[in-house]
N, C-alpha and C. Protein backbone atom coordinates (compact mmCIF):
# COMPACT_ATOMS: atom_id res chain seq x y z
N MET A 1 0.86 -1.18 0.00
CA MET A 1 0.00 0.00 0.00
C MET A 1 0.90 1.23 0.00
N ASP A 2 0.64 2.15 -0.90
CA ASP A 2 1.46 3.35 -0.95
C ASP A 2 0.92 4.42 0.00
N THR A 3 1.66 5.49 0.15
CA THR A 3 1.31 6.56 1.08
C THR A 3 -0.04 7.18 0.75
N PHE A 4 -0.30 7.34 -0.54
CA PHE A 4 -1.54 7.95 -0.98
C PHE A 4 -2.75 7.13 -0.54
N THR A 5 -2.67 5.81 -0.75
CA THR A 5 -3.76 4.92 -0.36
C THR A 5 -3.87 4.85 1.15
N ALA A 6 -2.73 4.85 1.84
CA ALA A 6 -2.75 4.84 3.30
C ALA A 6 -3.42 6.10 3.84
N LEU A 7 -3.16 7.22 3.22
CA LEU A 7 -3.79 8.47 3.65
C LEU A 7 -5.30 8.38 3.47
N ALA A 8 -5.74 7.87 2.32
CA ALA A 8 -7.18 7.72 2.09
C ALA A 8 -7.80 6.80 3.14
N ALA A 9 -7.12 5.71 3.45
CA ALA A 9 -7.63 4.78 4.46
C ALA A 9 -7.68 5.46 5.82
N GLY A 10 -6.65 6.23 6.15
CA GLY A 10 -6.62 6.93 7.43
C GLY A 10 -7.72 7.97 7.57
N LEU A 11 -8.15 8.50 6.45
CA LEU A 11 -9.23 9.49 6.45
C LEU A 11 -10.60 8.84 6.24
N ALA A 12 -10.62 7.50 6.22
CA ALA A 12 -11.84 6.71 6.02
C ALA A 12 -12.51 7.05 4.68
N ILE A 13 -11.68 7.24 3.65
CA ILE A 13 -12.18 7.50 2.30
C ILE A 13 -11.99 6.21 1.51
N ASP A 14 -13.09 5.69 0.95
CA ASP A 14 -13.04 4.41 0.26
C ASP A 14 -12.23 4.45 -1.03
N ASP A 15 -12.40 5.49 -1.81
CA ASP A 15 -11.73 5.58 -3.10
C ASP A 15 -10.67 6.68 -3.07
N PRO A 16 -9.39 6.32 -3.14
CA PRO A 16 -8.34 7.34 -3.11
C PRO A 16 -8.49 8.41 -4.18
N LEU A 17 -9.16 8.11 -5.30
CA LEU A 17 -9.35 9.13 -6.33
C LEU A 17 -10.23 10.27 -5.83
N ASP A 18 -10.98 10.04 -4.75
CA ASP A 18 -11.78 11.12 -4.18
C ASP A 18 -10.90 12.22 -3.59
N LEU A 19 -9.62 11.92 -3.36
CA LEU A 19 -8.67 12.92 -2.84
C LEU A 19 -8.04 13.75 -3.97
N THR A 20 -8.38 13.42 -5.20
CA THR A 20 -7.77 14.10 -6.34
C THR A 20 -8.83 14.77 -7.19
N THR A 21 -8.37 15.37 -8.26
CA THR A 21 -9.28 15.95 -9.23
C THR A 21 -9.57 14.97 -10.37
N ALA A 22 -9.10 13.72 -10.21
CA ALA A 22 -9.28 12.72 -11.27
C ALA A 22 -10.73 12.28 -11.38
N ASP A 23 -11.19 12.21 -12.61
CA ASP A 23 -12.51 11.68 -12.91
C ASP A 23 -12.29 10.23 -13.34
N PRO A 24 -12.93 9.26 -12.70
CA PRO A 24 -12.69 7.86 -13.08
C PRO A 24 -12.86 7.60 -14.57
N ALA A 25 -13.72 8.34 -15.24
CA ALA A 25 -13.94 8.13 -16.67
C ALA A 25 -12.76 8.62 -17.51
N THR A 26 -11.98 9.56 -16.99
CA THR A 26 -10.85 10.11 -17.75
C THR A 26 -9.53 9.92 -17.02
N ALA A 27 -9.49 9.01 -16.06
CA ALA A 27 -8.29 8.79 -15.26
C ALA A 27 -7.15 8.25 -16.13
N THR A 28 -5.93 8.63 -15.80
CA THR A 28 -4.75 8.08 -16.46
C THR A 28 -4.35 6.80 -15.74
N LEU A 29 -3.37 6.10 -16.30
CA LEU A 29 -2.87 4.89 -15.66
C LEU A 29 -2.30 5.20 -14.28
N ALA A 30 -1.65 6.34 -14.13
CA ALA A 30 -1.11 6.73 -12.82
C ALA A 30 -2.25 6.93 -11.82
N ASP A 31 -3.35 7.51 -12.26
CA ASP A 31 -4.51 7.69 -11.38
C ASP A 31 -5.08 6.35 -10.95
N LEU A 32 -5.23 5.43 -11.92
CA LEU A 32 -5.78 4.11 -11.61
C LEU A 32 -4.84 3.32 -10.72
N GLN A 33 -3.55 3.47 -10.93
CA GLN A 33 -2.55 2.81 -10.09
C GLN A 33 -2.66 3.30 -8.65
N ALA A 34 -2.80 4.62 -8.48
CA ALA A 34 -2.94 5.18 -7.13
C ALA A 34 -4.22 4.68 -6.47
N ARG A 35 -5.26 4.57 -7.24
CA ARG A 35 -6.54 4.10 -6.72
C ARG A 35 -6.44 2.66 -6.22
N SER A 36 -5.63 1.85 -6.91
CA SER A 36 -5.51 0.44 -6.56
C SER A 36 -4.73 0.21 -5.28
N GLY A 37 -3.86 1.15 -4.94
CA GLY A 37 -3.01 0.97 -3.77
C GLY A 37 -1.71 0.25 -4.09
N LEU A 38 -1.53 -0.15 -5.34
CA LEU A 38 -0.30 -0.82 -5.75
C LEU A 38 0.75 0.21 -6.14
N THR A 39 1.98 -0.10 -5.86
CA THR A 39 3.07 0.78 -6.28
C THR A 39 3.47 0.45 -7.71
N LYS A 40 4.22 1.34 -8.34
CA LYS A 40 4.73 1.07 -9.69
C LYS A 40 5.60 -0.18 -9.69
N VAL A 41 6.41 -0.33 -8.65
CA VAL A 41 7.30 -1.50 -8.56
C VAL A 41 6.48 -2.78 -8.47
N ALA A 42 5.41 -2.77 -7.69
CA ALA A 42 4.57 -3.96 -7.54
C ALA A 42 3.88 -4.30 -8.85
N ILE A 43 3.37 -3.30 -9.55
CA ILE A 43 2.72 -3.55 -10.83
C ILE A 43 3.72 -4.11 -11.82
N ALA A 44 4.90 -3.50 -11.90
CA ALA A 44 5.93 -3.97 -12.83
C ALA A 44 6.31 -5.42 -12.52
N ALA A 45 6.45 -5.75 -11.26
CA ALA A 45 6.80 -7.12 -10.88
C ALA A 45 5.72 -8.11 -11.31
N GLN A 46 4.45 -7.74 -11.13
CA GLN A 46 3.35 -8.60 -11.53
C GLN A 46 3.29 -8.78 -13.05
N LEU A 47 3.78 -7.79 -13.78
CA LEU A 47 3.77 -7.85 -15.24
C LEU A 47 5.07 -8.40 -15.81
N ASP A 48 6.00 -8.79 -14.93
CA ASP A 48 7.31 -9.31 -15.35
C ASP A 48 8.07 -8.32 -16.22
N MET A 49 8.09 -7.07 -15.77
CA MET A 49 8.85 -6.04 -16.48
C MET A 49 9.55 -5.16 -15.45
N THR A 50 10.45 -4.34 -15.91
CA THR A 50 11.15 -3.44 -15.00
C THR A 50 10.23 -2.27 -14.64
N PRO A 51 10.48 -1.64 -13.49
CA PRO A 51 9.69 -0.45 -13.16
C PRO A 51 9.83 0.64 -14.23
N GLY A 52 10.98 0.74 -14.84
CA GLY A 52 11.19 1.74 -15.90
C GLY A 52 10.33 1.45 -17.12
N ALA A 53 10.19 0.17 -17.46
CA ALA A 53 9.35 -0.20 -18.60
C ALA A 53 7.89 0.12 -18.30
N TRP A 54 7.45 -0.20 -17.07
CA TRP A 54 6.07 0.13 -16.71
C TRP A 54 5.86 1.64 -16.71
N ASP A 55 6.83 2.38 -16.19
CA ASP A 55 6.72 3.83 -16.16
C ASP A 55 6.57 4.40 -17.57
N ALA A 56 7.32 3.85 -18.52
CA ALA A 56 7.23 4.31 -19.91
C ALA A 56 5.84 4.04 -20.48
N ILE A 57 5.26 2.90 -20.15
CA ILE A 57 3.89 2.59 -20.60
C ILE A 57 2.92 3.54 -19.93
N GLU A 58 3.08 3.70 -18.61
CA GLU A 58 2.17 4.55 -17.84
C GLU A 58 2.16 5.99 -18.35
N ARG A 59 3.30 6.47 -18.79
CA ARG A 59 3.41 7.84 -19.29
C ARG A 59 3.06 7.97 -20.77
N GLY A 60 2.74 6.84 -21.42
CA GLY A 60 2.39 6.88 -22.83
C GLY A 60 3.58 6.93 -23.76
N ARG A 61 4.76 6.65 -23.24
CA ARG A 61 5.97 6.70 -24.08
C ARG A 61 6.21 5.38 -24.81
N GLN A 62 5.56 4.31 -24.34
CA GLN A 62 5.65 3.00 -24.97
C GLN A 62 4.23 2.49 -25.23
N PRO A 63 4.05 1.68 -26.26
CA PRO A 63 2.72 1.16 -26.55
C PRO A 63 2.28 0.16 -25.47
N LEU A 64 0.99 0.01 -25.35
CA LEU A 64 0.39 -0.94 -24.41
C LEU A 64 -0.29 -2.01 -25.25
N ARG A 65 0.29 -3.20 -25.23
CA ARG A 65 -0.26 -4.31 -26.01
C ARG A 65 -1.55 -4.81 -25.37
N PRO A 66 -2.48 -5.36 -26.18
CA PRO A 66 -3.76 -5.82 -25.65
C PRO A 66 -3.63 -6.84 -24.52
N GLY A 67 -2.69 -7.79 -24.64
CA GLY A 67 -2.51 -8.78 -23.57
C GLY A 67 -2.05 -8.14 -22.28
N THR A 68 -1.15 -7.17 -22.39
CA THR A 68 -0.69 -6.45 -21.20
C THR A 68 -1.82 -5.62 -20.62
N ALA A 69 -2.63 -5.03 -21.48
CA ALA A 69 -3.77 -4.23 -21.01
C ALA A 69 -4.72 -5.10 -20.19
N ARG A 70 -4.95 -6.35 -20.63
CA ARG A 70 -5.83 -7.26 -19.87
C ARG A 70 -5.23 -7.59 -18.51
N ARG A 71 -3.91 -7.83 -18.48
CA ARG A 71 -3.25 -8.14 -17.20
C ARG A 71 -3.30 -6.94 -16.25
N VAL A 72 -3.06 -5.75 -16.80
CA VAL A 72 -3.13 -4.53 -15.98
C VAL A 72 -4.55 -4.32 -15.47
N ALA A 73 -5.54 -4.58 -16.32
CA ALA A 73 -6.94 -4.43 -15.92
C ALA A 73 -7.26 -5.36 -14.75
N ASP A 74 -6.75 -6.58 -14.81
CA ASP A 74 -6.97 -7.51 -13.70
C ASP A 74 -6.31 -7.01 -12.42
N LEU A 75 -5.08 -6.49 -12.54
CA LEU A 75 -4.36 -5.98 -11.36
C LEU A 75 -5.07 -4.78 -10.74
N LEU A 76 -5.55 -3.87 -11.59
CA LEU A 76 -6.15 -2.62 -11.11
C LEU A 76 -7.66 -2.72 -10.93
N GLU A 77 -8.20 -3.91 -11.22
CA GLU A 77 -9.62 -4.20 -11.02
C GLU A 77 -10.54 -3.25 -11.80
N VAL A 78 -10.20 -3.07 -13.06
CA VAL A 78 -11.04 -2.31 -14.00
C VAL A 78 -11.09 -3.10 -15.30
N ASP A 79 -11.89 -2.66 -16.25
CA ASP A 79 -11.98 -3.38 -17.51
C ASP A 79 -10.86 -2.94 -18.45
N PRO A 80 -10.48 -3.81 -19.41
CA PRO A 80 -9.39 -3.47 -20.33
C PRO A 80 -9.62 -2.20 -21.13
N GLU A 81 -10.87 -1.88 -21.44
CA GLU A 81 -11.16 -0.66 -22.19
C GLU A 81 -10.78 0.58 -21.38
N THR A 82 -10.99 0.52 -20.07
CA THR A 82 -10.60 1.62 -19.19
C THR A 82 -9.08 1.80 -19.21
N ILE A 83 -8.37 0.68 -19.22
CA ILE A 83 -6.90 0.72 -19.27
C ILE A 83 -6.43 1.33 -20.58
N GLN A 84 -7.02 0.89 -21.69
CA GLN A 84 -6.64 1.43 -23.00
C GLN A 84 -6.93 2.93 -23.07
N ALA A 85 -8.09 3.34 -22.57
CA ALA A 85 -8.44 4.77 -22.58
C ALA A 85 -7.48 5.56 -21.69
N ALA A 86 -7.11 5.00 -20.54
CA ALA A 86 -6.17 5.68 -19.64
C ALA A 86 -4.81 5.82 -20.30
N HIS A 87 -4.40 4.80 -21.03
CA HIS A 87 -3.11 4.86 -21.73
C HIS A 87 -3.15 5.93 -22.83
N ARG A 88 -4.25 5.98 -23.57
CA ARG A 88 -4.38 7.04 -24.59
C ARG A 88 -4.36 8.42 -23.93
N GLY A 89 -4.97 8.53 -22.76
CA GLY A 89 -5.01 9.81 -22.04
C GLY A 89 -3.64 10.28 -21.59
N ALA A 90 -2.71 9.34 -21.42
CA ALA A 90 -1.36 9.72 -20.99
C ALA A 90 -0.68 10.60 -22.02
N TRP A 91 -1.11 10.51 -23.27
CA TRP A 91 -0.52 11.33 -24.33
C TRP A 91 -1.02 12.77 -24.28
N THR A 92 -2.20 12.96 -23.64
CA THR A 92 -2.83 14.28 -23.74
C THR A 92 -2.97 15.02 -22.42
N GLN A 93 -2.81 14.34 -21.30
CA GLN A 93 -3.02 15.02 -20.02
C GLN A 93 -2.10 14.48 -18.95
N PRO A 94 -1.67 15.33 -18.02
CA PRO A 94 -0.88 14.86 -16.89
C PRO A 94 -1.79 14.16 -15.90
N PRO A 95 -1.26 13.23 -15.10
CA PRO A 95 -2.11 12.57 -14.11
C PRO A 95 -2.54 13.53 -13.02
N ALA A 96 -3.77 13.40 -12.58
CA ALA A 96 -4.29 14.25 -11.51
C ALA A 96 -3.64 13.91 -10.19
N VAL A 97 -3.13 12.71 -10.06
CA VAL A 97 -2.55 12.26 -8.79
C VAL A 97 -1.18 12.87 -8.57
N SER A 98 -0.39 13.07 -9.63
CA SER A 98 0.99 13.47 -9.43
C SER A 98 1.12 14.78 -8.68
N ALA A 99 0.31 15.77 -9.01
CA ALA A 99 0.38 17.05 -8.31
C ALA A 99 -0.05 16.87 -6.86
N THR A 100 -1.07 16.05 -6.65
CA THR A 100 -1.54 15.82 -5.29
C THR A 100 -0.46 15.11 -4.48
N ARG A 101 0.19 14.13 -5.08
CA ARG A 101 1.25 13.41 -4.35
C ARG A 101 2.38 14.34 -3.97
N THR A 102 2.75 15.24 -4.85
CA THR A 102 3.81 16.18 -4.53
C THR A 102 3.41 17.04 -3.35
N ASN A 103 2.18 17.55 -3.38
CA ASN A 103 1.72 18.38 -2.27
C ASN A 103 1.61 17.58 -0.98
N LEU A 104 1.14 16.34 -1.08
CA LEU A 104 1.05 15.50 0.11
C LEU A 104 2.43 15.17 0.64
N GLY A 105 3.36 14.90 -0.28
CA GLY A 105 4.72 14.62 0.15
C GLY A 105 5.32 15.80 0.89
N ASP A 106 5.07 17.00 0.39
CA ASP A 106 5.55 18.19 1.08
C ASP A 106 4.89 18.34 2.45
N ALA A 107 3.60 18.08 2.51
CA ALA A 107 2.87 18.24 3.76
C ALA A 107 3.28 17.20 4.78
N LEU A 108 3.63 16.01 4.33
CA LEU A 108 3.97 14.93 5.24
C LEU A 108 5.45 14.89 5.60
N ARG A 109 6.24 15.69 4.91
CA ARG A 109 7.68 15.68 5.15
C ARG A 109 7.96 16.11 6.60
N ILE A 110 8.79 15.36 7.26
CA ILE A 110 9.10 15.66 8.65
C ILE A 110 10.16 16.74 8.72
N GLY A 111 9.91 17.72 9.56
CA GLY A 111 10.90 18.76 9.79
C GLY A 111 10.82 19.93 8.84
N ASN A 112 10.18 19.78 7.70
CA ASN A 112 10.07 20.85 6.71
C ASN A 112 11.40 21.56 6.47
N ARG A 113 12.45 20.78 6.35
CA ARG A 113 13.76 21.36 6.10
C ARG A 113 13.93 21.71 4.64
N ALA A 114 14.52 22.82 4.39
CA ALA A 114 14.82 23.22 3.02
C ALA A 114 16.02 22.41 2.54
N PRO A 115 16.10 22.12 1.26
CA PRO A 115 17.26 21.38 0.76
C PRO A 115 18.52 22.22 0.96
N PRO A 116 19.65 21.54 1.15
CA PRO A 116 20.89 22.30 1.36
C PRO A 116 21.23 23.13 0.14
N ARG A 117 21.72 24.31 0.37
CA ARG A 117 22.10 25.19 -0.73
C ARG A 117 23.54 24.92 -1.11
N ARG A 118 23.78 24.96 -2.37
CA ARG A 118 25.15 24.78 -2.85
C ARG A 118 25.82 26.13 -3.00
N ALA A 119 27.07 26.14 -2.71
CA ALA A 119 27.84 27.38 -2.92
C ALA A 119 28.00 27.60 -4.41
N PRO A 120 27.93 28.85 -4.85
CA PRO A 120 28.09 29.10 -6.28
C PRO A 120 29.47 28.68 -6.74
N ARG A 121 29.51 28.10 -7.94
CA ARG A 121 30.80 27.69 -8.49
C ARG A 121 31.57 28.90 -8.96
N ALA A 122 32.86 28.86 -8.73
CA ALA A 122 33.71 29.93 -9.22
C ALA A 122 33.84 29.78 -10.73
N VAL A 123 33.69 30.87 -11.41
CA VAL A 123 33.80 30.85 -12.85
C VAL A 123 35.17 31.40 -13.22
N ALA A 124 35.91 30.58 -13.93
CA ALA A 124 37.24 31.02 -14.33
C ALA A 124 37.13 31.93 -15.54
N GLY A 125 37.70 33.08 -15.43
CA GLY A 125 37.71 34.01 -16.55
C GLY A 125 39.11 34.14 -17.11
N PRO A 126 39.27 35.03 -18.05
CA PRO A 126 40.61 35.21 -18.62
C PRO A 126 41.56 35.80 -17.57
N VAL A 127 42.75 35.36 -17.62
CA VAL A 127 43.77 35.83 -16.69
C VAL A 127 44.55 36.95 -17.38
N HIS A 128 44.60 38.13 -16.73
CA HIS A 128 45.35 39.26 -17.28
C HIS A 128 46.65 39.40 -16.51
N ARG A 129 47.72 39.34 -17.22
CA ARG A 129 49.01 39.48 -16.56
C ARG A 129 49.65 40.79 -16.99
N PRO A 130 50.23 41.47 -16.05
CA PRO A 130 50.86 42.75 -16.40
C PRO A 130 52.11 42.61 -17.22
């Protein structure tokens, strides 16, 4: 169970998509994945592929074959047509969950520490000799 799903459970919300602006009819694969409570790594393992390969499919950078769509549909407990539509949507819209996850990650971060600042690099310029 990922943090997003755990948060929904902690708030007694049945469907994690209720925490987002995602419409189930137009949800992306990332939205459906968040709704399922499975992580990208878990989905990739169930599909016998690397997390990077699944990420490329999820983002619409790689095609989604019909057999894989059926397996993903079984994992995410939706019909294959929903999976195909979500994959097509990855080409045209960002996932509604990603922005929410970033905001939740910021809100849940312990200590609210700013990242360390790097010292500016010295830029070497031309050397003038008298």
